Amino acid sequence: MIYFTADLHFYHDKVIQHVNRPFPNAEKMNQVLIENWNRKVGAADEVYILGDVTMKGASYATEALSRLKGRKYLVKGNHDRFAEQKEFDKYIFEWIKDYHELKYQNNEFILFHYPIEEWKGFYRGAFHLHGHQHNHADYNYRNLEQGIRRYDVGVDANNMCPVSIEEILEFFAMGEELRQ
């Protein structure tokens, strides 16, 4: 299975207040994010992280990422400076990029940390998956209602869990059904 997530912000106490996450501290947040991930993702699954793993540096990134199941890919966000640090073990990821285009069952997904208004394949039904804004689920529903194939895969919009490619396709299929 293929999963997506973003905006984990491991070890970041301030993100809890900034976006009103339901945790007393970063330690508890890290624990829940890791448990939720590992409950959903298997060892052979692929997970695309669309940015903002942690702001704390290479050793913290390595510690958190090494506890997560699955084959991991990173589309860098604005807080992923650890990925450029020489002490970071880049082998944790299959690859690290700024942008990626993914094809799955005749669908095209544009993966970028930042939300964009139009993307490659916008007029041909491509999906844009992003993070960065720390939206809640209502953002994705508003896009669905407006027929916009843009989805925030961040943990704040997805019950503090990665979201599968099948869940995203089902979500947008529901929107198609509602518009008919």
N, C-alpha and C. Protein backbone atom coordinates (compact mmCIF):
# COMPACT_ATOMS: atom_id res chain seq x y z
N MET A 1 0.85 -1.18 0.00
CA MET A 1 0.00 0.00 0.00
C MET A 1 0.90 1.24 0.00
N ILE A 2 0.37 2.29 -0.55
CA ILE A 2 1.05 3.58 -0.59
C ILE A 2 0.34 4.53 0.37
N TYR A 3 1.13 5.23 1.17
CA TYR A 3 0.60 6.20 2.13
C TYR A 3 1.28 7.55 1.94
N PHE A 4 0.62 8.57 2.46
CA PHE A 4 1.15 9.94 2.43
C PHE A 4 0.94 10.57 3.81
N THR A 5 1.84 11.46 4.15
CA THR A 5 1.68 12.24 5.36
C THR A 5 2.54 13.50 5.23
N ALA A 6 2.38 14.42 6.17
CA ALA A 6 3.18 15.65 6.19
C ALA A 6 3.05 16.29 7.57
N ASP A 7 3.94 17.22 7.82
CA ASP A 7 3.85 18.10 9.00
C ASP A 7 3.85 17.35 10.32
N LEU A 8 4.70 16.34 10.43
CA LEU A 8 4.80 15.59 11.67
C LEU A 8 5.37 16.46 12.79
N HIS A 9 6.38 17.23 12.48
CA HIS A 9 7.01 18.14 13.46
C HIS A 9 7.40 17.42 14.75
N PHE A 10 8.08 16.28 14.60
CA PHE A 10 8.55 15.57 15.79
C PHE A 10 9.39 16.50 16.67
N TYR A 11 9.23 16.37 17.98
CA TYR A 11 9.98 17.10 19.00
C TYR A 11 9.69 18.60 19.02
N HIS A 12 8.62 19.05 18.42
CA HIS A 12 8.34 20.48 18.29
C HIS A 12 7.18 20.86 19.23
N ASP A 13 7.52 21.31 20.43
CA ASP A 13 6.50 21.69 21.42
C ASP A 13 5.60 22.81 20.91
N LYS A 14 6.16 23.78 20.23
CA LYS A 14 5.38 24.95 19.82
C LYS A 14 4.30 24.64 18.80
N VAL A 15 4.48 23.59 18.00
CA VAL A 15 3.45 23.27 17.00
C VAL A 15 2.15 22.85 17.69
N ILE A 16 2.27 22.31 18.90
CA ILE A 16 1.08 21.88 19.64
C ILE A 16 0.14 23.07 19.88
N GLN A 17 0.68 24.18 20.33
CA GLN A 17 -0.13 25.37 20.55
C GLN A 17 -0.47 26.06 19.23
N HIS A 18 0.48 26.08 18.32
CA HIS A 18 0.31 26.79 17.06
C HIS A 18 -0.90 26.29 16.27
N VAL A 19 -1.07 24.97 16.24
CA VAL A 19 -2.18 24.41 15.45
C VAL A 19 -3.18 23.66 16.32
N ASN A 20 -3.07 23.83 17.64
CA ASN A 20 -4.03 23.25 18.57
C ASN A 20 -4.08 21.72 18.50
N ARG A 21 -2.92 21.09 18.55
CA ARG A 21 -2.88 19.64 18.58
C ARG A 21 -3.26 19.15 19.98
N PRO A 22 -3.89 17.99 20.07
CA PRO A 22 -4.42 17.52 21.36
C PRO A 22 -3.40 16.78 22.24
N PHE A 23 -2.25 17.39 22.47
CA PHE A 23 -1.21 16.74 23.25
C PHE A 23 -0.69 17.68 24.33
N PRO A 24 -0.31 17.14 25.49
CA PRO A 24 0.24 18.00 26.54
C PRO A 24 1.68 18.45 26.29
N ASN A 25 2.42 17.65 25.47
CA ASN A 25 3.82 17.96 25.19
C ASN A 25 4.30 17.20 23.96
N ALA A 26 5.49 17.54 23.51
CA ALA A 26 6.04 16.92 22.29
C ALA A 26 6.33 15.44 22.49
N GLU A 27 6.70 15.04 23.68
CA GLU A 27 6.98 13.63 23.94
C GLU A 27 5.72 12.78 23.69
N LYS A 28 4.60 13.23 24.22
CA LYS A 28 3.34 12.50 24.00
C LYS A 28 2.93 12.56 22.53
N MET A 29 3.11 13.71 21.89
CA MET A 29 2.79 13.85 20.48
C MET A 29 3.61 12.86 19.65
N ASN A 30 4.92 12.80 19.89
CA ASN A 30 5.79 11.87 19.17
C ASN A 30 5.29 10.44 19.34
N GLN A 31 4.98 10.07 20.58
CA GLN A 31 4.51 8.72 20.88
C GLN A 31 3.26 8.37 20.08
N VAL A 32 2.28 9.26 20.07
CA VAL A 32 1.01 9.01 19.37
C VAL A 32 1.22 8.97 17.87
N LEU A 33 2.01 9.90 17.32
CA LEU A 33 2.27 9.90 15.88
C LEU A 33 2.95 8.60 15.44
N ILE A 34 3.91 8.14 16.21
CA ILE A 34 4.62 6.90 15.88
C ILE A 34 3.69 5.70 16.00
N GLU A 35 2.90 5.63 17.07
CA GLU A 35 1.96 4.52 17.24
C GLU A 35 0.92 4.50 16.12
N ASN A 36 0.36 5.66 15.79
CA ASN A 36 -0.64 5.73 14.72
C ASN A 36 -0.05 5.27 13.39
N TRP A 37 1.16 5.75 13.09
CA TRP A 37 1.85 5.37 11.85
C TRP A 37 2.02 3.86 11.80
N ASN A 38 2.62 3.29 12.85
CA ASN A 38 2.96 1.87 12.85
C ASN A 38 1.74 0.96 12.94
N ARG A 39 0.64 1.46 13.43
CA ARG A 39 -0.61 0.70 13.45
C ARG A 39 -1.18 0.58 12.03
N LYS A 40 -0.93 1.57 11.20
CA LYS A 40 -1.51 1.62 9.87
C LYS A 40 -0.57 1.12 8.77
N VAL A 41 0.69 1.41 8.89
CA VAL A 41 1.69 1.14 7.85
C VAL A 41 2.43 -0.17 8.15
N GLY A 42 2.57 -1.00 7.12
CA GLY A 42 3.34 -2.23 7.26
C GLY A 42 4.77 -2.05 6.77
N ALA A 43 5.61 -3.02 7.05
CA ALA A 43 7.04 -2.94 6.71
C ALA A 43 7.27 -2.79 5.21
N ALA A 44 6.41 -3.39 4.39
CA ALA A 44 6.61 -3.34 2.94
C ALA A 44 5.88 -2.17 2.28
N ASP A 45 5.12 -1.41 3.03
CA ASP A 45 4.38 -0.27 2.48
C ASP A 45 5.31 0.89 2.16
N GLU A 46 4.86 1.75 1.25
CA GLU A 46 5.61 2.95 0.90
C GLU A 46 4.92 4.15 1.52
N VAL A 47 5.72 5.07 2.09
CA VAL A 47 5.17 6.27 2.69
C VAL A 47 5.91 7.49 2.14
N TYR A 48 5.15 8.38 1.54
CA TYR A 48 5.68 9.64 1.04
C TYR A 48 5.41 10.71 2.09
N ILE A 49 6.48 11.24 2.66
CA ILE A 49 6.37 12.31 3.64
C ILE A 49 6.54 13.62 2.88
N LEU A 50 5.50 14.43 2.88
CA LEU A 50 5.54 15.68 2.11
C LEU A 50 5.96 16.84 3.02
N GLY A 51 7.06 16.65 3.67
CA GLY A 51 7.73 17.73 4.38
C GLY A 51 7.44 17.86 5.85
N ASP A 52 8.38 18.54 6.49
CA ASP A 52 8.32 18.94 7.89
C ASP A 52 8.30 17.76 8.86
N VAL A 53 9.35 16.97 8.77
CA VAL A 53 9.53 15.86 9.70
C VAL A 53 9.87 16.40 11.09
N THR A 54 10.89 17.26 11.15
CA THR A 54 11.30 17.85 12.42
C THR A 54 12.16 19.08 12.15
N MET A 55 12.18 19.97 13.11
CA MET A 55 13.04 21.15 13.04
C MET A 55 14.29 20.97 13.89
N LYS A 56 14.43 19.84 14.54
CA LYS A 56 15.44 19.66 15.57
C LYS A 56 16.79 19.15 15.11
N GLY A 57 16.95 18.77 13.87
CA GLY A 57 18.26 18.35 13.40
C GLY A 57 18.36 16.86 13.13
N ALA A 58 19.53 16.48 12.63
CA ALA A 58 19.78 15.14 12.09
C ALA A 58 19.57 14.03 13.12
N SER A 59 20.08 14.18 14.32
CA SER A 59 19.97 13.08 15.30
C SER A 59 18.51 12.85 15.70
N TYR A 60 17.74 13.92 15.85
CA TYR A 60 16.32 13.78 16.18
C TYR A 60 15.54 13.17 15.02
N ALA A 61 15.85 13.59 13.81
CA ALA A 61 15.18 13.04 12.63
C ALA A 61 15.47 11.54 12.52
N THR A 62 16.73 11.17 12.68
CA THR A 62 17.12 9.76 12.59
C THR A 62 16.40 8.94 13.65
N GLU A 63 16.34 9.46 14.86
CA GLU A 63 15.70 8.72 15.95
C GLU A 63 14.23 8.47 15.66
N ALA A 64 13.50 9.50 15.25
CA ALA A 64 12.06 9.35 14.99
C ALA A 64 11.81 8.49 13.76
N LEU A 65 12.49 8.78 12.67
CA LEU A 65 12.25 8.07 11.41
C LEU A 65 12.61 6.59 11.51
N SER A 66 13.62 6.26 12.28
CA SER A 66 14.04 4.86 12.41
C SER A 66 13.00 4.03 13.16
N ARG A 67 12.07 4.65 13.85
CA ARG A 67 11.02 3.94 14.58
C ARG A 67 9.76 3.73 13.74
N LEU A 68 9.76 4.25 12.51
CA LEU A 68 8.57 4.19 11.66
C LEU A 68 8.68 3.07 10.63
N LYS A 69 7.62 2.28 10.49
CA LYS A 69 7.59 1.19 9.51
C LYS A 69 7.50 1.74 8.09
N GLY A 70 7.85 0.89 7.15
CA GLY A 70 7.66 1.19 5.74
C GLY A 70 8.90 1.75 5.07
N ARG A 71 8.81 1.77 3.74
CA ARG A 71 9.84 2.40 2.91
C ARG A 71 9.47 3.86 2.77
N LYS A 72 10.37 4.74 3.14
CA LYS A 72 10.05 6.16 3.25
C LYS A 72 10.71 6.99 2.14
N TYR A 73 9.94 7.97 1.66
CA TYR A 73 10.39 8.93 0.65
C TYR A 73 10.13 10.31 1.23
N LEU A 74 11.03 11.24 0.99
CA LEU A 74 10.84 12.60 1.51
C LEU A 74 10.76 13.62 0.38
N VAL A 75 9.65 14.33 0.35
CA VAL A 75 9.52 15.55 -0.46
C VAL A 75 9.72 16.67 0.56
N LYS A 76 10.85 17.34 0.47
CA LYS A 76 11.26 18.28 1.52
C LYS A 76 10.29 19.44 1.70
N GLY A 77 10.15 19.80 2.96
CA GLY A 77 9.39 20.97 3.34
C GLY A 77 10.32 22.05 3.85
N ASN A 78 9.74 23.13 4.33
CA ASN A 78 10.54 24.27 4.78
C ASN A 78 11.27 24.01 6.10
N HIS A 79 10.95 22.94 6.81
CA HIS A 79 11.61 22.65 8.08
C HIS A 79 12.46 21.38 8.04
N ASP A 80 12.89 20.96 6.88
CA ASP A 80 13.64 19.71 6.76
C ASP A 80 15.12 19.93 6.49
N ARG A 81 15.71 20.88 7.18
CA ARG A 81 17.13 21.16 7.00
C ARG A 81 18.00 19.98 7.44
N PHE A 82 17.48 19.13 8.30
CA PHE A 82 18.24 17.95 8.74
C PHE A 82 18.69 17.10 7.55
N ALA A 83 17.89 17.08 6.48
CA ALA A 83 18.18 16.24 5.32
C ALA A 83 19.47 16.64 4.61
N GLU A 84 19.91 17.88 4.82
CA GLU A 84 21.14 18.38 4.21
C GLU A 84 22.35 18.25 5.14
N GLN A 85 22.12 17.88 6.39
CA GLN A 85 23.22 17.78 7.34
C GLN A 85 24.01 16.50 7.10
N LYS A 86 25.32 16.61 7.11
CA LYS A 86 26.17 15.47 6.76
C LYS A 86 26.00 14.31 7.74
N GLU A 87 25.62 14.58 8.99
CA GLU A 87 25.46 13.49 9.96
C GLU A 87 24.11 12.76 9.83
N PHE A 88 23.22 13.25 8.97
CA PHE A 88 21.95 12.56 8.77
C PHE A 88 22.14 11.33 7.88
N ASP A 89 21.59 10.21 8.30
CA ASP A 89 21.68 8.96 7.55
C ASP A 89 20.62 8.99 6.44
N LYS A 90 21.02 9.41 5.27
CA LYS A 90 20.10 9.55 4.13
C LYS A 90 19.52 8.22 3.67
N TYR A 91 20.10 7.11 4.10
CA TYR A 91 19.59 5.80 3.70
C TYR A 91 18.27 5.45 4.39
N ILE A 92 17.84 6.27 5.31
CA ILE A 92 16.51 6.10 5.91
C ILE A 92 15.44 6.27 4.83
N PHE A 93 15.76 7.11 3.84
CA PHE A 93 14.82 7.38 2.74
C PHE A 93 15.27 6.67 1.47
N GLU A 94 14.28 6.25 0.68
CA GLU A 94 14.56 5.70 -0.64
C GLU A 94 15.12 6.81 -1.53
N TRP A 95 14.57 8.01 -1.38
CA TRP A 95 15.08 9.21 -2.05
C TRP A 95 14.57 10.44 -1.31
N ILE A 96 15.22 11.58 -1.59
CA ILE A 96 14.84 12.88 -1.05
C ILE A 96 14.75 13.83 -2.23
N LYS A 97 13.60 14.50 -2.37
CA LYS A 97 13.37 15.42 -3.49
C LYS A 97 12.63 16.66 -3.00
N ASP A 98 12.54 17.63 -3.88
CA ASP A 98 11.73 18.83 -3.61
C ASP A 98 10.32 18.69 -4.17
N TYR A 99 10.13 17.77 -5.11
CA TYR A 99 8.87 17.64 -5.86
C TYR A 99 8.87 16.26 -6.48
N HIS A 100 7.68 15.67 -6.61
CA HIS A 100 7.61 14.35 -7.24
C HIS A 100 6.27 14.17 -7.93
N GLU A 101 6.31 13.46 -9.06
CA GLU A 101 5.09 13.08 -9.77
C GLU A 101 4.96 11.57 -9.67
N LEU A 102 3.80 11.11 -9.22
CA LEU A 102 3.56 9.70 -8.99
C LEU A 102 2.37 9.24 -9.82
N LYS A 103 2.54 8.14 -10.52
CA LYS A 103 1.43 7.54 -11.28
C LYS A 103 0.98 6.29 -10.54
N TYR A 104 -0.36 6.15 -10.44
CA TYR A 104 -0.94 5.00 -9.76
C TYR A 104 -2.29 4.70 -10.39
N GLN A 105 -2.42 3.51 -10.95
CA GLN A 105 -3.68 3.05 -11.56
C GLN A 105 -4.32 4.13 -12.45
N ASN A 106 -3.59 4.59 -13.41
CA ASN A 106 -4.07 5.61 -14.37
C ASN A 106 -4.40 6.95 -13.72
N ASN A 107 -3.90 7.19 -12.53
CA ASN A 107 -4.06 8.47 -11.86
C ASN A 107 -2.69 9.11 -11.69
N GLU A 108 -2.66 10.43 -11.77
CA GLU A 108 -1.41 11.14 -11.55
C GLU A 108 -1.53 11.98 -10.29
N PHE A 109 -0.50 11.90 -9.46
CA PHE A 109 -0.44 12.64 -8.21
C PHE A 109 0.78 13.54 -8.23
N ILE A 110 0.58 14.80 -7.96
CA ILE A 110 1.66 15.77 -7.88
C ILE A 110 1.94 15.99 -6.39
N LEU A 111 3.15 15.64 -5.96
CA LEU A 111 3.53 15.70 -4.55
C LEU A 111 4.47 16.88 -4.33
N PHE A 112 4.05 17.78 -3.46
CA PHE A 112 4.83 18.98 -3.16
C PHE A 112 4.45 19.41 -1.75
N HIS A 113 5.39 19.92 -1.00
CA HIS A 113 5.08 20.32 0.37
C HIS A 113 4.04 21.44 0.41
N TYR A 114 4.15 22.36 -0.51
CA TYR A 114 3.30 23.56 -0.49
C TYR A 114 2.06 23.38 -1.37
N PRO A 115 0.92 23.90 -0.94
CA PRO A 115 -0.26 23.87 -1.81
C PRO A 115 -0.09 24.85 -2.96
N ILE A 116 -0.50 24.43 -4.14
CA ILE A 116 -0.42 25.30 -5.31
C ILE A 116 -1.78 25.38 -5.98
N GLU A 117 -2.03 26.47 -6.67
CA GLU A 117 -3.34 26.71 -7.30
C GLU A 117 -3.57 25.83 -8.52
N GLU A 118 -2.56 25.66 -9.34
CA GLU A 118 -2.65 24.79 -10.52
C GLU A 118 -1.36 23.98 -10.60
N TRP A 119 -1.47 22.76 -11.08
CA TRP A 119 -0.34 21.85 -11.13
C TRP A 119 -0.38 21.08 -12.43
N LYS A 120 0.72 20.41 -12.73
CA LYS A 120 0.79 19.60 -13.94
C LYS A 120 -0.40 18.63 -13.95
N GLY A 121 -1.15 18.63 -15.02
CA GLY A 121 -2.31 17.75 -15.15
C GLY A 121 -3.56 18.27 -14.48
N PHE A 122 -3.53 19.50 -14.01
CA PHE A 122 -4.69 20.10 -13.31
C PHE A 122 -5.96 19.96 -14.13
N TYR A 123 -5.87 20.26 -15.42
CA TYR A 123 -7.05 20.21 -16.29
C TYR A 123 -7.32 18.81 -16.85
N ARG A 124 -6.46 17.86 -16.49
CA ARG A 124 -6.65 16.49 -16.96
C ARG A 124 -6.92 15.53 -15.79
N GLY A 125 -7.29 16.06 -14.64
CA GLY A 125 -7.71 15.22 -13.53
C GLY A 125 -6.63 14.79 -12.56
N ALA A 126 -5.43 15.36 -12.66
CA ALA A 126 -4.36 15.00 -11.72
C ALA A 126 -4.70 15.53 -10.32
N PHE A 127 -4.20 14.83 -9.33
CA PHE A 127 -4.39 15.20 -7.93
C PHE A 127 -3.14 15.91 -7.42
N HIS A 128 -3.33 16.88 -6.56
CA HIS A 128 -2.19 17.54 -5.90
C HIS A 128 -2.27 17.24 -4.42
N LEU A 129 -1.24 16.59 -3.89
CA LEU A 129 -1.14 16.28 -2.47
C LEU A 129 -0.08 17.17 -1.86
N HIS A 130 -0.36 17.71 -0.69
CA HIS A 130 0.54 18.67 -0.05
C HIS A 130 0.39 18.62 1.46
N GLY A 131 1.19 19.43 2.12
CA GLY A 131 1.11 19.67 3.56
C GLY A 131 1.22 21.16 3.79
N HIS A 132 2.06 21.53 4.73
CA HIS A 132 2.49 22.89 5.02
C HIS A 132 1.50 23.75 5.81
N GLN A 133 0.23 23.71 5.49
CA GLN A 133 -0.71 24.66 6.08
C GLN A 133 -1.30 24.22 7.41
N HIS A 134 -1.11 22.98 7.80
CA HIS A 134 -1.69 22.45 9.03
C HIS A 134 -3.21 22.63 9.06
N ASN A 135 -3.82 22.36 7.92
CA ASN A 135 -5.28 22.43 7.83
C ASN A 135 -5.91 21.31 8.63
N HIS A 136 -7.20 21.44 8.85
CA HIS A 136 -7.98 20.36 9.43
C HIS A 136 -8.80 19.73 8.32
N ALA A 137 -9.52 18.67 8.61
CA ALA A 137 -10.23 17.90 7.59
C ALA A 137 -11.21 18.75 6.78
N ASP A 138 -11.74 19.80 7.36
CA ASP A 138 -12.72 20.63 6.64
C ASP A 138 -12.11 21.24 5.38
N TYR A 139 -10.82 21.49 5.38
CA TYR A 139 -10.14 22.02 4.18
C TYR A 139 -10.29 21.05 3.02
N ASN A 140 -10.05 19.77 3.27
CA ASN A 140 -10.17 18.77 2.21
C ASN A 140 -11.61 18.66 1.73
N TYR A 141 -12.56 18.75 2.64
CA TYR A 141 -13.97 18.69 2.26
C TYR A 141 -14.38 19.91 1.44
N ARG A 142 -13.86 21.07 1.78
CA ARG A 142 -14.16 22.27 0.97
C ARG A 142 -13.62 22.11 -0.45
N ASN A 143 -12.40 21.59 -0.57
CA ASN A 143 -11.85 21.34 -1.91
C ASN A 143 -12.73 20.34 -2.66
N LEU A 144 -13.17 19.31 -1.97
CA LEU A 144 -14.02 18.30 -2.59
C LEU A 144 -15.32 18.92 -3.11
N GLU A 145 -15.95 19.74 -2.29
CA GLU A 145 -17.21 20.39 -2.68
C GLU A 145 -17.02 21.30 -3.90
N GLN A 146 -15.85 21.90 -4.01
CA GLN A 146 -15.57 22.81 -5.12
C GLN A 146 -15.00 22.09 -6.34
N GLY A 147 -14.84 20.78 -6.26
CA GLY A 147 -14.30 20.01 -7.37
C GLY A 147 -12.81 20.20 -7.58
N ILE A 148 -12.10 20.62 -6.54
CA ILE A 148 -10.65 20.83 -6.61
C ILE A 148 -9.96 19.56 -6.12
N ARG A 149 -9.13 18.99 -6.94
CA ARG A 149 -8.44 17.74 -6.61
C ARG A 149 -7.14 18.01 -5.87
N ARG A 150 -7.23 18.76 -4.81
CA ARG A 150 -6.08 19.09 -3.95
C ARG A 150 -6.41 18.56 -2.56
N TYR A 151 -5.42 17.92 -1.93
CA TYR A 151 -5.67 17.25 -0.64
C TYR A 151 -4.49 17.48 0.29
N ASP A 152 -4.76 17.95 1.50
CA ASP A 152 -3.74 18.13 2.52
C ASP A 152 -3.56 16.79 3.23
N VAL A 153 -2.38 16.18 3.04
CA VAL A 153 -2.09 14.88 3.64
C VAL A 153 -1.49 15.00 5.04
N GLY A 154 -1.37 16.22 5.54
CA GLY A 154 -0.77 16.45 6.85
C GLY A 154 -1.53 15.76 7.96
N VAL A 155 -0.82 15.47 9.04
CA VAL A 155 -1.43 14.76 10.16
C VAL A 155 -2.58 15.56 10.78
N ASP A 156 -2.53 16.88 10.73
CA ASP A 156 -3.59 17.68 11.33
C ASP A 156 -4.92 17.52 10.60
N ALA A 157 -4.88 17.18 9.33
CA ALA A 157 -6.10 17.00 8.52
C ALA A 157 -6.53 15.54 8.45
N ASN A 158 -5.75 14.63 9.05
CA ASN A 158 -6.00 13.20 8.88
C ASN A 158 -5.86 12.41 10.18
N ASN A 159 -6.45 12.91 11.23
CA ASN A 159 -6.50 12.21 12.52
C ASN A 159 -5.13 11.76 13.03
N MET A 160 -4.11 12.56 12.77
CA MET A 160 -2.75 12.30 13.24
C MET A 160 -2.19 10.99 12.68
N CYS A 161 -2.62 10.64 11.45
CA CYS A 161 -2.20 9.39 10.80
C CYS A 161 -1.81 9.64 9.35
N PRO A 162 -1.00 8.73 8.80
CA PRO A 162 -0.83 8.74 7.35
C PRO A 162 -2.16 8.39 6.68
N VAL A 163 -2.33 8.81 5.45
CA VAL A 163 -3.54 8.51 4.68
C VAL A 163 -3.14 7.72 3.45
N SER A 164 -3.90 6.66 3.16
CA SER A 164 -3.53 5.80 2.04
C SER A 164 -4.00 6.39 0.71
N ILE A 165 -3.36 5.94 -0.35
CA ILE A 165 -3.74 6.39 -1.68
C ILE A 165 -5.17 5.93 -1.99
N GLU A 166 -5.56 4.77 -1.47
CA GLU A 166 -6.92 4.28 -1.68
C GLU A 166 -7.93 5.15 -0.95
N GLU A 167 -7.61 5.58 0.25
CA GLU A 167 -8.51 6.49 0.99
C GLU A 167 -8.69 7.80 0.24
N ILE A 168 -7.62 8.30 -0.35
CA ILE A 168 -7.71 9.56 -1.10
C ILE A 168 -8.56 9.37 -2.35
N LEU A 169 -8.36 8.28 -3.06
CA LEU A 169 -9.17 8.01 -4.26
C LEU A 169 -10.64 7.82 -3.90
N GLU A 170 -10.92 7.13 -2.82
CA GLU A 170 -12.31 6.96 -2.36
C GLU A 170 -12.92 8.30 -1.96
N PHE A 171 -12.14 9.13 -1.32
CA PHE A 171 -12.60 10.46 -0.91
C PHE A 171 -13.04 11.27 -2.13
N PHE A 172 -12.21 11.29 -3.16
CA PHE A 172 -12.56 12.06 -4.35
C PHE A 172 -13.67 11.39 -5.16
N ALA A 173 -13.77 10.06 -5.12
CA ALA A 173 -14.88 9.38 -5.79
C ALA A 173 -16.20 9.76 -5.12
N MET A 174 -16.19 9.92 -3.81
CA MET A 174 -17.38 10.35 -3.08
C MET A 174 -17.82 11.73 -3.58
N GLY A 175 -16.87 12.60 -3.85
CA GLY A 175 -17.20 13.93 -4.36
C GLY A 175 -17.82 13.87 -5.74
N GLU A 176 -17.31 12.98 -6.57
CA GLU A 176 -17.87 12.80 -7.91
C GLU A 176 -19.32 12.33 -7.81
N GLU A 177 -19.59 11.41 -6.90
CA GLU A 177 -20.94 10.90 -6.71
C GLU A 177 -21.89 12.00 -6.23
N LEU A 178 -21.40 12.85 -5.33
CA LEU A 178 -22.24 13.94 -4.80
C LEU A 178 -22.60 14.96 -5.88
N ARG A 179 -21.69 15.16 -6.84
CA ARG A 179 -21.94 16.16 -7.88
C ARG A 179 -22.84 15.64 -9.00
N GLN A 180 -23.10 14.33 -9.02
CA GLN A 180 -23.93 13.77 -10.10
C GLN A 180 -25.40 13.83 -9.76
